[in-house]
């Protein structure tokens, strides 16, 4: 069975929040905040929890962006559910396994981990 993960797209003032990965795989690359869905929680609950752990922000899930299941998308072979989230409070800073957090213009993104460029690209299709 392949593990389930979540990714959060948080956009404010034309910028998207990314975290710099502090662990392998893709250590040092920028990524969407997110992580594994724990036993006993919904994907939406996992998304809110992971964002708070990695960035310090409180968010609310607004809508699903998509499900990303290409087997080679992540060396851990995860299936990710990506959500558009709205910031409710807090100040973004790196935490948990995120070395740092930063806001980036959507058309000036750094090198991204996994398939996160494809996930972000789905925003333009909505």
PDB file of N, CA and C in Angstrom:
ATOM      1  N   UNK A   1       0.845  -1.178   0.000  1.00  0.00           N
ATOM      2  CA  UNK A   1       0.000   0.000   0.000  1.00  0.00           C
ATOM      3  C   UNK A   1       0.895   1.247   0.000  1.00  0.00           C
ATOM      4  N   UNK A   2       0.511   2.262  -0.760  1.00  0.00           N
ATOM      5  CA  UNK A   2       1.284   3.506  -0.837  1.00  0.00           C
ATOM      6  C   UNK A   2       0.783   4.493   0.216  1.00  0.00           C
ATOM      7  N   UNK A   3       1.688   5.206   0.883  1.00  0.00           N
ATOM      8  CA  UNK A   3       1.277   6.147   1.930  1.00  0.00           C
ATOM      9  C   UNK A   3       0.636   7.413   1.355  1.00  0.00           C
ATOM     10  N   UNK A   4      -0.270   7.990   2.157  1.00  0.00           N
ATOM     11  CA  UNK A   4      -0.950   9.236   1.781  1.00  0.00           C
ATOM     12  C   UNK A   4      -0.273  10.429   2.445  1.00  0.00           C
ATOM     13  N   UNK A   5      -0.099  11.492   1.663  1.00  0.00           N
ATOM     14  CA  UNK A   5       0.433  12.752   2.173  1.00  0.00           C
ATOM     15  C   UNK A   5      -0.481  13.884   1.738  1.00  0.00           C
ATOM     16  N   UNK A   6      -0.244  15.044   2.323  1.00  0.00           N
ATOM     17  CA  UNK A   6      -0.983  16.251   1.945  1.00  0.00           C
ATOM     18  C   UNK A   6       0.017  17.365   1.655  1.00  0.00           C
ATOM     19  N   UNK A   7      -0.384  18.284   0.786  1.00  0.00           N
ATOM     20  CA  UNK A   7       0.398  19.484   0.489  1.00  0.00           C
ATOM     21  C   UNK A   7      -0.535  20.675   0.553  1.00  0.00           C
ATOM     22  N   UNK A   8      -0.038  21.786   1.103  1.00  0.00           N
ATOM     23  CA  UNK A   8      -0.846  22.992   1.264  1.00  0.00           C
ATOM     24  C   UNK A   8      -0.343  24.105   0.365  1.00  0.00           C
ATOM     25  N   UNK A   9      -1.260  24.719  -0.364  1.00  0.00           N
ATOM     26  CA  UNK A   9      -0.958  25.893  -1.169  1.00  0.00           C
ATOM     27  C   UNK A   9      -1.580  27.085  -0.453  1.00  0.00           C
ATOM     28  N   UNK A  10      -0.719  27.947   0.070  1.00  0.00           N
ATOM     29  CA  UNK A  10      -1.153  29.122   0.814  1.00  0.00           C
ATOM     30  C   UNK A  10      -0.655  30.341   0.049  1.00  0.00           C
ATOM     31  N   UNK A  11      -1.594  31.137  -0.440  1.00  0.00           N
ATOM     32  CA  UNK A  11      -1.240  32.288  -1.267  1.00  0.00           C
ATOM     33  C   UNK A  11      -1.726  33.555  -0.575  1.00  0.00           C
ATOM     34  N   UNK A  12      -0.839  34.539  -0.544  1.00  0.00           N
ATOM     35  CA  UNK A  12      -1.168  35.821   0.070  1.00  0.00           C
ATOM     36  C   UNK A  12      -0.443  36.917  -0.704  1.00  0.00           C
ATOM     37  N   UNK A  13      -1.186  37.923  -1.139  1.00  0.00           N
ATOM     38  CA  UNK A  13      -0.605  39.052  -1.871  1.00  0.00           C
ATOM     39  C   UNK A  13       0.222  38.605  -3.082  1.00  0.00           C
ATOM     40  N   UNK A  14      -0.284  37.622  -3.815  1.00  0.00           N
ATOM     41  CA  UNK A  14       0.383  37.158  -5.021  1.00  0.00           C
ATOM     42  C   UNK A  14       1.612  36.297  -4.788  1.00  0.00           C
ATOM     43  N   UNK A  15       1.833  35.885  -3.542  1.00  0.00           N
ATOM     44  CA  UNK A  15       2.982  35.051  -3.211  1.00  0.00           C
ATOM     45  C   UNK A  15       2.510  33.742  -2.591  1.00  0.00           C
ATOM     46  N   UNK A  16       3.309  32.690  -2.786  1.00  0.00           N
ATOM     47  CA  UNK A  16       2.996  31.378  -2.235  1.00  0.00           C
ATOM     48  C   UNK A  16       4.017  31.042  -1.150  1.00  0.00           C
ATOM     49  N   UNK A  17       3.542  30.405  -0.092  1.00  0.00           N
ATOM     50  CA  UNK A  17       4.422  30.025   1.015  1.00  0.00           C
ATOM     51  C   UNK A  17       5.082  28.680   0.717  1.00  0.00           C
ATOM     52  N   UNK A  18       6.406  28.663   0.832  1.00  0.00           N
ATOM     53  CA  UNK A  18       7.190  27.441   0.653  1.00  0.00           C
ATOM     54  C   UNK A  18       8.074  27.229   1.874  1.00  0.00           C
ATOM     55  N   UNK A  19       8.456  25.981   2.094  1.00  0.00           N
ATOM     56  CA  UNK A  19       9.398  25.659   3.171  1.00  0.00           C
ATOM     57  C   UNK A  19      10.638  25.028   2.546  1.00  0.00           C
ATOM     58  N   UNK A  20      11.776  25.252   3.183  1.00  0.00           N
ATOM     59  CA  UNK A  20      13.015  24.612   2.727  1.00  0.00           C
ATOM     60  C   UNK A  20      13.159  23.308   3.501  1.00  0.00           C
ATOM     61  N   UNK A  21      13.218  22.205   2.760  1.00  0.00           N
ATOM     62  CA  UNK A  21      13.257  20.884   3.387  1.00  0.00           C
ATOM     63  C   UNK A  21      14.534  20.688   4.199  1.00  0.00           C
ATOM     64  N   UNK A  22      14.356  20.262   5.446  1.00  0.00           N
ATOM     65  CA  UNK A  22      15.484  20.018   6.332  1.00  0.00           C
ATOM     66  C   UNK A  22      15.928  18.571   6.366  1.00  0.00           C
ATOM     67  N   UNK A  23      15.182  17.698   5.666  1.00  0.00           N
ATOM     68  CA  UNK A  23      15.493  16.264   5.657  1.00  0.00           C
ATOM     69  C   UNK A  23      15.413  15.724   4.233  1.00  0.00           C
ATOM     70  N   UNK A  24      16.064  14.584   4.045  1.00  0.00           N
ATOM     71  CA  UNK A  24      15.928  13.855   2.777  1.00  0.00           C
ATOM     72  C   UNK A  24      14.551  13.214   2.736  1.00  0.00           C
ATOM     73  N   UNK A  25      13.963  12.983   1.615  1.00  0.00           N
ATOM     74  CA  UNK A  25      14.492  13.286   0.286  1.00  0.00           C
ATOM     75  C   UNK A  25      14.377  14.775  -0.056  1.00  0.00           C
ATOM     76  N   UNK A  26      15.196  15.202  -0.982  1.00  0.00           N
ATOM     77  CA  UNK A  26      15.219  16.579  -1.485  1.00  0.00           C
ATOM     78  C   UNK A  26      15.580  17.611  -0.418  1.00  0.00           C
ATOM     79  N   UNK A  27      16.430  17.222   0.519  1.00  0.00           N
ATOM     80  CA  UNK A  27      16.893  18.151   1.553  1.00  0.00           C
ATOM     81  C   UNK A  27      17.497  19.386   0.891  1.00  0.00           C
ATOM     82  N   UNK A  28      17.121  20.564   1.404  1.00  0.00           N
ATOM     83  CA  UNK A  28      17.640  21.823   0.881  1.00  0.00           C
ATOM     84  C   UNK A  28      16.819  22.435  -0.224  1.00  0.00           C
ATOM     85  N   UNK A  29      15.892  21.676  -0.809  1.00  0.00           N
ATOM     86  CA  UNK A  29      15.012  22.228  -1.847  1.00  0.00           C
ATOM     87  C   UNK A  29      13.770  22.823  -1.195  1.00  0.00           C
ATOM     88  N   UNK A  30      13.156  23.739  -1.917  1.00  0.00           N
ATOM     89  CA  UNK A  30      11.919  24.360  -1.447  1.00  0.00           C
ATOM     90  C   UNK A  30      10.731  23.473  -1.812  1.00  0.00           C
ATOM     91  N   UNK A  31       9.725  23.475  -0.947  1.00  0.00           N
ATOM     92  CA  UNK A  31       8.564  22.611  -1.137  1.00  0.00           C
ATOM     93  C   UNK A  31       7.317  23.255  -0.531  1.00  0.00           C
ATOM     94  N   UNK A  32       6.188  22.735  -0.916  1.00  0.00           N
ATOM     95  CA  UNK A  32       4.938  23.115  -0.271  1.00  0.00           C
ATOM     96  C   UNK A  32       4.931  22.530   1.137  1.00  0.00           C
ATOM     97  N   UNK A  33       4.373  23.242   2.113  1.00  0.00           N
ATOM     98  CA  UNK A  33       4.244  22.635   3.432  1.00  0.00           C
ATOM     99  C   UNK A  33       3.316  21.430   3.356  1.00  0.00           C
ATOM    100  N   UNK A  34       3.631  20.400   4.097  1.00  0.00           N
ATOM    101  CA  UNK A  34       2.789  19.212   4.097  1.00  0.00           C
ATOM    102  C   UNK A  34       3.498  18.030   4.703  1.00  0.00           C
ATOM    103  N   UNK A  35       2.837  16.888   4.643  1.00  0.00           N
ATOM    104  CA  UNK A  35       3.426  15.683   5.200  1.00  0.00           C
ATOM    105  C   UNK A  35       2.441  14.540   5.222  1.00  0.00           C
ATOM    106  N   UNK A  36       2.765  13.540   6.000  1.00  0.00           N
ATOM    107  CA  UNK A  36       1.980  12.310   6.041  1.00  0.00           C
ATOM    108  C   UNK A  36       0.676  12.468   6.827  1.00  0.00           C
ATOM    109  N   UNK A  37      -0.337  11.767   6.358  1.00  0.00           N
ATOM    110  CA  UNK A  37      -1.610  11.692   7.071  1.00  0.00           C
ATOM    111  C   UNK A  37      -1.449  10.625   8.147  1.00  0.00           C
ATOM    112  N   UNK A  38      -1.701  11.005   9.396  1.00  0.00           N
ATOM    113  CA  UNK A  38      -1.585  10.070  10.513  1.00  0.00           C
ATOM    114  C   UNK A  38      -2.849   9.227  10.653  1.00  0.00           C
ATOM    115  N   UNK A  39      -2.674   8.072  11.244  1.00  0.00           N
ATOM    116  CA  UNK A  39      -3.814   7.196  11.528  1.00  0.00           C
ATOM    117  C   UNK A  39      -4.814   7.963  12.400  1.00  0.00           C
ATOM    118  N   UNK A  40      -6.081   7.884  12.050  1.00  0.00           N
ATOM    119  CA  UNK A  40      -7.126   8.506  12.856  1.00  0.00           C
ATOM    120  C   UNK A  40      -7.421   9.955  12.519  1.00  0.00           C
ATOM    121  N   UNK A  41      -6.787  10.518  11.486  1.00  0.00           N
ATOM    122  CA  UNK A  41      -7.105  11.891  11.103  1.00  0.00           C
ATOM    123  C   UNK A  41      -7.500  11.946   9.635  1.00  0.00           C
ATOM    124  N   UNK A  42      -8.300  12.949   9.298  1.00  0.00           N
ATOM    125  CA  UNK A  42      -8.672  13.150   7.903  1.00  0.00           C
ATOM    126  C   UNK A  42      -7.517  13.828   7.177  1.00  0.00           C
ATOM    127  N   UNK A  43      -7.560  13.808   5.863  1.00  0.00           N
ATOM    128  CA  UNK A  43      -6.535  14.496   5.074  1.00  0.00           C
ATOM    129  C   UNK A  43      -6.563  15.997   5.375  1.00  0.00           C
ATOM    130  N   UNK A  44      -7.753  16.552   5.542  1.00  0.00           N
ATOM    131  CA  UNK A  44      -7.869  17.987   5.844  1.00  0.00           C
ATOM    132  C   UNK A  44      -7.247  18.309   7.210  1.00  0.00           C
ATOM    133  N   UNK A  45      -7.488  17.456   8.200  1.00  0.00           N
ATOM    134  CA  UNK A  45      -6.877  17.660   9.516  1.00  0.00           C
ATOM    135  C   UNK A  45      -5.365  17.563   9.428  1.00  0.00           C
ATOM    136  N   UNK A  46      -4.864  16.608   8.648  1.00  0.00           N
ATOM    137  CA  UNK A  46      -3.426  16.457   8.468  1.00  0.00           C
ATOM    138  C   UNK A  46      -2.820  17.703   7.829  1.00  0.00           C
ATOM    139  N   UNK A  47      -3.513  18.266   6.859  1.00  0.00           N
ATOM    140  CA  UNK A  47      -3.034  19.464   6.183  1.00  0.00           C
ATOM    141  C   UNK A  47      -2.887  20.624   7.169  1.00  0.00           C
ATOM    142  N   UNK A  48      -3.915  20.861   7.957  1.00  0.00           N
ATOM    143  CA  UNK A  48      -3.887  21.941   8.958  1.00  0.00           C
ATOM    144  C   UNK A  48      -2.759  21.696   9.963  1.00  0.00           C
ATOM    145  N   UNK A  49      -2.627  20.460  10.449  1.00  0.00           N
ATOM    146  CA  UNK A  49      -1.594  20.121  11.432  1.00  0.00           C
ATOM    147  C   UNK A  49      -0.197  20.297  10.854  1.00  0.00           C
ATOM    148  N   UNK A  50       0.025  19.775   9.648  1.00  0.00           N
ATOM    149  CA  UNK A  50       1.351  19.863   9.034  1.00  0.00           C
ATOM    150  C   UNK A  50       1.767  21.313   8.779  1.00  0.00           C
ATOM    151  N   UNK A  51       0.839  22.145   8.324  1.00  0.00           N
ATOM    152  CA  UNK A  51       1.162  23.556   8.091  1.00  0.00           C
ATOM    153  C   UNK A  51       1.580  24.213   9.400  1.00  0.00           C
ATOM    154  N   UNK A  52       0.836  23.950  10.474  1.00  0.00           N
ATOM    155  CA  UNK A  52       1.189  24.556  11.759  1.00  0.00           C
ATOM    156  C   UNK A  52       2.547  24.065  12.246  1.00  0.00           C
ATOM    157  N   UNK A  53       2.814  22.755  12.118  1.00  0.00           N
ATOM    158  CA  UNK A  53       4.098  22.209  12.558  1.00  0.00           C
ATOM    159  C   UNK A  53       5.268  22.769  11.756  1.00  0.00           C
ATOM    160  N   UNK A  54       5.091  22.926  10.457  1.00  0.00           N
ATOM    161  CA  UNK A  54       6.211  23.330   9.597  1.00  0.00           C
ATOM    162  C   UNK A  54       6.371  24.833   9.447  1.00  0.00           C
ATOM    163  N   UNK A  55       5.298  25.601   9.660  1.00  0.00           N
ATOM    164  CA  UNK A  55       5.388  27.041   9.400  1.00  0.00           C
ATOM    165  C   UNK A  55       4.923  27.920  10.557  1.00  0.00           C
ATOM    166  N   UNK A  56       4.214  27.366  11.524  1.00  0.00           N
ATOM    167  CA  UNK A  56       3.663  28.168  12.612  1.00  0.00           C
ATOM    168  C   UNK A  56       2.356  28.854  12.266  1.00  0.00           C
ATOM    169  N   UNK A  57       1.869  28.666  11.052  1.00  0.00           N
ATOM    170  CA  UNK A  57       0.626  29.328  10.634  1.00  0.00           C
ATOM    171  C   UNK A  57      -0.597  28.481  10.972  1.00  0.00           C
ATOM    172  N   UNK A  58      -1.672  29.176  11.277  1.00  0.00           N
ATOM    173  CA  UNK A  58      -2.980  28.540  11.396  1.00  0.00           C
ATOM    174  C   UNK A  58      -3.675  28.754  10.059  1.00  0.00           C
ATOM    175  N   UNK A  59      -4.185  27.662   9.475  1.00  0.00           N
ATOM    176  CA  UNK A  59      -4.854  27.759   8.181  1.00  0.00           C
ATOM    177  C   UNK A  59      -6.202  27.055   8.222  1.00  0.00           C
ATOM    178  N   UNK A  60      -6.982  27.374   7.217  1.00  0.00           N
ATOM    179  CA  UNK A  60      -8.262  26.718   6.990  1.00  0.00           C
ATOM    180  C   UNK A  60      -8.238  26.166   5.565  1.00  0.00           C
ATOM    181  N   UNK A  61      -8.626  24.906   5.402  1.00  0.00           N
ATOM    182  CA  UNK A  61      -8.691  24.301   4.074  1.00  0.00           C
ATOM    183  C   UNK A  61      -9.881  24.886   3.330  1.00  0.00           C
ATOM    184  N   UNK A  62      -9.638  25.391   2.111  1.00  0.00           N
ATOM    185  CA  UNK A  62     -10.710  25.968   1.304  1.00  0.00           C
ATOM    186  C   UNK A  62     -11.227  25.003   0.244  1.00  0.00           C
ATOM    187  N   UNK A  63     -10.292  24.384  -0.509  1.00  0.00           N
ATOM    188  CA  UNK A  63     -10.717  23.471  -1.563  1.00  0.00           C
ATOM    189  C   UNK A  63      -9.566  22.567  -1.963  1.00  0.00           C
ATOM    190  N   UNK A  64      -9.922  21.474  -2.584  1.00  0.00           N
ATOM    191  CA  UNK A  64      -8.912  20.536  -3.074  1.00  0.00           C
ATOM    192  C   UNK A  64      -8.373  21.045  -4.412  1.00  0.00           C
ATOM    193  N   UNK A  65      -7.066  20.969  -4.576  1.00  0.00           N
ATOM    194  CA  UNK A  65      -6.413  21.347  -5.828  1.00  0.00           C
ATOM    195  C   UNK A  65      -6.304  20.127  -6.733  1.00  0.00           C
ATOM    196  N   UNK A  66      -6.007  18.971  -6.129  1.00  0.00           N
ATOM    197  CA  UNK A  66      -5.903  17.753  -6.911  1.00  0.00           C
ATOM    198  C   UNK A  66      -5.275  16.624  -6.124  1.00  0.00           C
ATOM    199  N   UNK A  67      -5.301  15.454  -6.724  1.00  0.00           N
ATOM    200  CA  UNK A  67      -4.663  14.264  -6.169  1.00  0.00           C
ATOM    201  C   UNK A  67      -3.528  13.899  -7.117  1.00  0.00           C
ATOM    202  N   UNK A  68      -2.340  13.689  -6.559  1.00  0.00           N
ATOM    203  CA  UNK A  68      -1.141  13.462  -7.350  1.00  0.00           C
ATOM    204  C   UNK A  68      -0.589  12.082  -6.999  1.00  0.00           C
ATOM    205  N   UNK A  69      -0.676  11.157  -7.966  1.00  0.00           N
ATOM    206  CA  UNK A  69      -0.391   9.760  -7.668  1.00  0.00           C
ATOM    207  C   UNK A  69       0.639   9.108  -8.588  1.00  0.00           C
ATOM    208  N   UNK A  70       1.317   9.890  -9.408  1.00  0.00           N
ATOM    209  CA  UNK A  70       2.364   9.329 -10.262  1.00  0.00           C
ATOM    210  C   UNK A  70       3.353   8.580  -9.355  1.00  0.00           C
ATOM    211  N   UNK A  71       3.592   7.299  -9.585  1.00  0.00           N
ATOM    212  CA  UNK A  71       4.442   6.536  -8.675  1.00  0.00           C
ATOM    213  C   UNK A  71       5.832   7.122  -8.452  1.00  0.00           C
ATOM    214  N   UNK A  72       6.388   7.807  -9.446  1.00  0.00           N
ATOM    215  CA  UNK A  72       7.736   8.357  -9.313  1.00  0.00           C
ATOM    216  C   UNK A  72       7.755   9.805  -8.819  1.00  0.00           C
ATOM    217  N   UNK A  73       6.615  10.322  -8.371  1.00  0.00           N
ATOM    218  CA  UNK A  73       6.546  11.721  -7.929  1.00  0.00           C
ATOM    219  C   UNK A  73       7.411  11.996  -6.702  1.00  0.00           C
ATOM    220  N   UNK A  74       7.666  10.953  -5.923  1.00  0.00           N
ATOM    221  CA  UNK A  74       8.390  11.061  -4.659  1.00  0.00           C
ATOM    222  C   UNK A  74       9.059   9.700  -4.445  1.00  0.00           C
ATOM    223  N   UNK A  75      10.324   9.665  -4.038  1.00  0.00           N
ATOM    224  CA  UNK A  75      10.987   8.369  -3.862  1.00  0.00           C
ATOM    225  C   UNK A  75      10.314   7.487  -2.805  1.00  0.00           C
ATOM    226  N   UNK A  76       9.487   8.077  -1.950  1.00  0.00           N
ATOM    227  CA  UNK A  76       8.758   7.287  -0.944  1.00  0.00           C
ATOM    228  C   UNK A  76       7.459   6.733  -1.518  1.00  0.00           C
ATOM    229  N   UNK A  77       7.205   7.061  -2.805  1.00  0.00           N
ATOM    230  CA  UNK A  77       6.046   6.551  -3.553  1.00  0.00           C
ATOM    231  C   UNK A  77       4.714   6.988  -2.941  1.00  0.00           C
ATOM    232  N   UNK A  78       4.674   8.192  -2.416  1.00  0.00           N
ATOM    233  CA  UNK A  78       3.461   8.700  -1.778  1.00  0.00           C
ATOM    234  C   UNK A  78       2.405   9.093  -2.805  1.00  0.00           C
ATOM    235  N   UNK A  79       1.172   9.142  -2.337  1.00  0.00           N
ATOM    236  CA  UNK A  79       0.054   9.741  -3.066  1.00  0.00           C
ATOM    237  C   UNK A  79      -0.297  10.999  -2.287  1.00  0.00           C
ATOM    238  N   UNK A  80      -0.285  12.149  -2.953  1.00  0.00           N
ATOM    239  CA  UNK A  80      -0.536  13.406  -2.256  1.00  0.00           C
ATOM    240  C   UNK A  80      -1.858  14.028  -2.661  1.00  0.00           C
ATOM    241  N   UNK A  81      -2.524  14.561  -1.656  1.00  0.00           N
ATOM    242  CA  UNK A  81      -3.741  15.345  -1.853  1.00  0.00           C
ATOM    243  C   UNK A  81      -3.347  16.791  -1.553  1.00  0.00           C
ATOM    244  N   UNK A  82      -3.504  17.654  -2.541  1.00  0.00           N
ATOM    245  CA  UNK A  82      -3.114  19.052  -2.378  1.00  0.00           C
ATOM    246  C   UNK A  82      -4.350  19.918  -2.160  1.00  0.00           C
ATOM    247  N   UNK A  83      -4.229  20.841  -1.208  1.00  0.00           N
ATOM    248  CA  UNK A  83      -5.338  21.715  -0.839  1.00  0.00           C
ATOM    249  C   UNK A  83      -4.924  23.178  -0.937  1.00  0.00           C
ATOM    250  N   UNK A  84      -5.852  24.000  -1.386  1.00  0.00           N
ATOM    251  CA  UNK A  84      -5.709  25.446  -1.288  1.00  0.00           C
ATOM    252  C   UNK A  84      -6.171  25.818   0.109  1.00  0.00           C
ATOM    253  N   UNK A  85      -5.338  26.542   0.835  1.00  0.00           N
ATOM    254  CA  UNK A  85      -5.642  26.906   2.219  1.00  0.00           C
ATOM    255  C   UNK A  85      -5.609  28.418   2.385  1.00  0.00           C
ATOM    256  N   UNK A  86      -6.372  28.892   3.360  1.00  0.00           N
ATOM    257  CA  UNK A  86      -6.409  30.320   3.691  1.00  0.00           C
ATOM    258  C   UNK A  86      -5.749  30.519   5.044  1.00  0.00           C
ATOM    259  N   UNK A  87      -4.841  31.477   5.112  1.00  0.00           N
ATOM    260  CA  UNK A  87      -4.164  31.809   6.367  1.00  0.00           C
ATOM    261  C   UNK A  87      -5.170  32.432   7.329  1.00  0.00           C
ATOM    262  N   UNK A  88      -5.172  31.931   8.556  1.00  0.00           N
ATOM    263  CA  UNK A  88      -6.062  32.471   9.587  1.00  0.00           C
ATOM    264  C   UNK A  88      -5.285  33.236  10.648  1.00  0.00           C
ATOM    265  N   UNK A  89      -4.003  32.934  10.799  1.00  0.00           N
ATOM    266  CA  UNK A  89      -3.219  33.621  11.810  1.00  0.00           C
ATOM    267  C   UNK A  89      -1.799  33.091  11.867  1.00  0.00           C
ATOM    268  N   UNK A  90      -0.978  33.808  12.621  1.00  0.00           N
ATOM    269  CA  UNK A  90       0.405  33.400  12.813  1.00  0.00           C
ATOM    270  C   UNK A  90       1.361  34.112  11.878  1.00  0.00           C
ATOM    271  N   UNK A  91       2.638  33.877  12.117  1.00  0.00           N
ATOM    272  CA  UNK A  91       3.715  34.438  11.302  1.00  0.00           C
ATOM    273  C   UNK A  91       4.534  33.256  10.778  1.00  0.00           C
ATOM    274  N   UNK A  92       4.768  33.234   9.480  1.00  0.00           N
ATOM    275  CA  UNK A  92       5.464  32.105   8.862  1.00  0.00           C
ATOM    276  C   UNK A  92       6.927  32.055   9.267  1.00  0.00           C
ATOM    277  N   UNK A  93       7.338  30.875   9.764  1.00  0.00           N
ATOM    278  CA  UNK A  93       8.739  30.611  10.077  1.00  0.00           C
ATOM    279  C   UNK A  93       8.957  29.113  10.018  1.00  0.00           C
ATOM    280  N   UNK A  94      10.160  28.703   9.746  1.00  0.00           N
ATOM    281  CA  UNK A  94      10.458  27.281   9.644  1.00  0.00           C
ATOM    282  C   UNK A  94      10.318  26.584  10.980  1.00  0.00           C
ATOM    283  N   UNK A  95       9.824  25.360  10.965  1.00  0.00           N
ATOM    284  CA  UNK A  95       9.674  24.553  12.166  1.00  0.00           C
ATOM    285  C   UNK A  95       9.654  23.088  11.794  1.00  0.00           C
ATOM    286  N   UNK A  96       9.657  22.208  12.776  1.00  0.00           N
ATOM    287  CA  UNK A  96       9.644  20.759  12.571  1.00  0.00           C
ATOM    288  C   UNK A  96      10.781  20.385  11.619  1.00  0.00           C
ATOM    289  N   UNK A  97      10.486  19.783  10.477  1.00  0.00           N
ATOM    290  CA  UNK A  97      11.565  19.387   9.553  1.00  0.00           C
ATOM    291  C   UNK A  97      11.784  20.420   8.445  1.00  0.00           C
ATOM    292  N   UNK A  98      11.245  21.625   8.622  1.00  0.00           N
ATOM    293  CA  UNK A  98      11.431  22.709   7.651  1.00  0.00           C
ATOM    294  C   UNK A  98      12.536  23.638   8.152  1.00  0.00           C
ATOM    295  N   UNK A  99      13.602  23.765   7.373  1.00  0.00           N
ATOM    296  CA  UNK A  99      14.705  24.619   7.769  1.00  0.00           C
ATOM    297  C   UNK A  99      14.329  26.090   7.833  1.00  0.00           C
ATOM    298  N   UNK A 100      13.469  26.508   6.918  1.00  0.00           N
ATOM    299  CA  UNK A 100      12.979  27.894   6.900  1.00  0.00           C
ATOM    300  C   UNK A 100      11.713  27.948   6.068  1.00  0.00           C
ATOM    301  N   UNK A 101      11.020  29.067   6.172  1.00  0.00           N
ATOM    302  CA  UNK A 101       9.805  29.292   5.385  1.00  0.00           C
ATOM    303  C   UNK A 101       9.942  30.643   4.701  1.00  0.00           C
ATOM    304  N   UNK A 102       9.382  30.751   3.494  1.00  0.00           N
ATOM    305  CA  UNK A 102       9.461  32.013   2.778  1.00  0.00           C
ATOM    306  C   UNK A 102       8.339  32.154   1.763  1.00  0.00           C
ATOM    307  N   UNK A 103       8.032  33.397   1.440  1.00  0.00           N
ATOM    308  CA  UNK A 103       6.985  33.722   0.466  1.00  0.00           C
ATOM    309  C   UNK A 103       7.646  34.020  -0.870  1.00  0.00           C
ATOM    310  N   UNK A 104       7.133  33.432  -1.946  1.00  0.00           N
ATOM    311  CA  UNK A 104       7.713  33.581  -3.277  1.00  0.00           C
ATOM    312  C   UNK A 104       6.649  33.990  -4.279  1.00  0.00           C
ATOM    313  N   UNK A 105       7.022  34.889  -5.198  1.00  0.00           N
ATOM    314  CA  UNK A 105       6.134  35.227  -6.295  1.00  0.00           C
ATOM    315  C   UNK A 105       5.881  33.983  -7.128  1.00  0.00           C
ATOM    316  N   UNK A 106       4.661  33.826  -7.581  1.00  0.00           N
ATOM    317  CA  UNK A 106       4.293  32.626  -8.338  1.00  0.00           C
ATOM    318  C   UNK A 106       5.074  32.480  -9.641  1.00  0.00           C
ATOM    319  N   UNK A 107       5.551  33.590 -10.192  1.00  0.00           N
ATOM    320  CA  UNK A 107       6.321  33.506 -11.433  1.00  0.00           C
ATOM    321  C   UNK A 107       7.837  33.601 -11.202  1.00  0.00           C
ATOM    322  N   UNK A 108       8.265  33.510  -9.928  1.00  0.00           N
ATOM    323  CA  UNK A 108       9.691  33.541  -9.594  1.00  0.00           C
ATOM    324  C   UNK A 108       9.992  32.493  -8.519  1.00  0.00           C
ATOM    325  N   UNK A 109       9.665  31.246  -8.820  1.00  0.00           N
ATOM    326  CA  UNK A 109       9.837  30.176  -7.841  1.00  0.00           C
ATOM    327  C   UNK A 109      11.260  29.620  -7.869  1.00  0.00           C
ATOM    328  N   UNK A 110      11.773  29.201  -6.708  1.00  0.00           N
ATOM    329  CA  UNK A 110      13.083  28.543  -6.666  1.00  0.00           C
ATOM    330  C   UNK A 110      12.957  27.101  -7.156  1.00  0.00           C
ATOM    331  N   UNK A 111      14.067  26.374  -7.157  1.00  0.00           N
ATOM    332  CA  UNK A 111      14.016  24.949  -7.502  1.00  0.00           C
ATOM    333  C   UNK A 111      13.151  24.241  -6.460  1.00  0.00           C
ATOM    334  N   UNK A 112      12.176  23.470  -6.952  1.00  0.00           N
ATOM    335  CA  UNK A 112      11.208  22.840  -6.063  1.00  0.00           C
ATOM    336  C   UNK A 112      11.444  21.338  -5.928  1.00  0.00           C
ATOM    337  N   UNK A 113      11.068  20.811  -4.776  1.00  0.00           N
ATOM    338  CA  UNK A 113      11.138  19.379  -4.498  1.00  0.00           C
ATOM    339  C   UNK A 113       9.987  18.646  -5.186  1.00  0.00           C
ATOM    340  N   UNK A 114      10.210  17.366  -5.386  1.00  0.00           N
ATOM    341  CA  UNK A 114       9.176  16.455  -5.870  1.00  0.00           C
ATOM    342  C   UNK A 114       8.488  16.990  -7.129  1.00  0.00           C
ATOM    343  N   UNK A 115       7.159  16.915  -7.164  1.00  0.00           N
ATOM    344  CA  UNK A 115       6.370  17.427  -8.292  1.00  0.00           C
ATOM    345  C   UNK A 115       5.631  18.707  -7.906  1.00  0.00           C
ATOM    346  N   UNK A 116       6.189  19.464  -6.975  1.00  0.00           N
ATOM    347  CA  UNK A 116       5.482  20.626  -6.447  1.00  0.00           C
ATOM    348  C   UNK A 116       5.296  21.735  -7.472  1.00  0.00           C
ATOM    349  N   UNK A 117       6.153  21.804  -8.483  1.00  0.00           N
ATOM    350  CA  UNK A 117       5.930  22.745  -9.577  1.00  0.00           C
ATOM    351  C   UNK A 117       4.663  22.408 -10.344  1.00  0.00           C
ATOM    352  N   UNK A 118       4.445  21.132 -10.577  1.00  0.00           N
ATOM    353  CA  UNK A 118       3.222  20.686 -11.254  1.00  0.00           C
ATOM    354  C   UNK A 118       1.977  20.994 -10.406  1.00  0.00           C
ATOM    355  N   UNK A 119       2.090  20.751  -9.106  1.00  0.00           N
ATOM    356  CA  UNK A 119       0.955  21.035  -8.212  1.00  0.00           C
ATOM    357  C   UNK A 119       0.627  22.521  -8.247  1.00  0.00           C
ATOM    358  N   UNK A 120       1.631  23.369  -8.122  1.00  0.00           N
ATOM    359  CA  UNK A 120       1.408  24.821  -8.146  1.00  0.00           C
ATOM    360  C   UNK A 120       0.833  25.233  -9.502  1.00  0.00           C
ATOM    361  N   UNK A 121       1.297  24.605 -10.569  1.00  0.00           N
ATOM    362  CA  UNK A 121       0.781  24.898 -11.907  1.00  0.00           C
ATOM    363  C   UNK A 121      -0.700  24.632 -12.068  1.00  0.00           C
ATOM    364  N   UNK A 122      -1.245  23.767 -11.269  1.00  0.00           N
ATOM    365  CA  UNK A 122      -2.685  23.470 -11.321  1.00  0.00           C
ATOM    366  C   UNK A 122      -3.539  24.660 -10.901  1.00  0.00           C
ATOM    367  N   UNK A 123      -2.948  25.597 -10.183  1.00  0.00           N
ATOM    368  CA  UNK A 123      -3.716  26.786  -9.762  1.00  0.00           C
ATOM    369  C   UNK A 123      -4.196  27.585 -10.964  1.00  0.00           C
ATOM    370  N   UNK A 124      -3.379  27.645 -11.998  1.00  0.00           N
ATOM    371  CA  UNK A 124      -3.747  28.397 -13.196  1.00  0.00           C
ATOM    372  C   UNK A 124      -4.832  27.734 -14.017  1.00  0.00           C
ATOM    373  N   UNK A 125      -5.091  26.475 -13.752  1.00  0.00           N
ATOM    374  CA  UNK A 125      -6.108  25.725 -14.495  1.00  0.00           C
ATOM    375  C   UNK A 125      -7.473  25.783 -13.832  1.00  0.00           C
ATOM    376  N   UNK A 126      -7.544  26.393 -12.658  1.00  0.00           N
ATOM    377  CA  UNK A 126      -8.827  26.457 -11.930  1.00  0.00           C
ATOM    378  C   UNK A 126      -9.602  27.678 -12.308  1.00  0.00           C
TER     379      UNK A 126
END
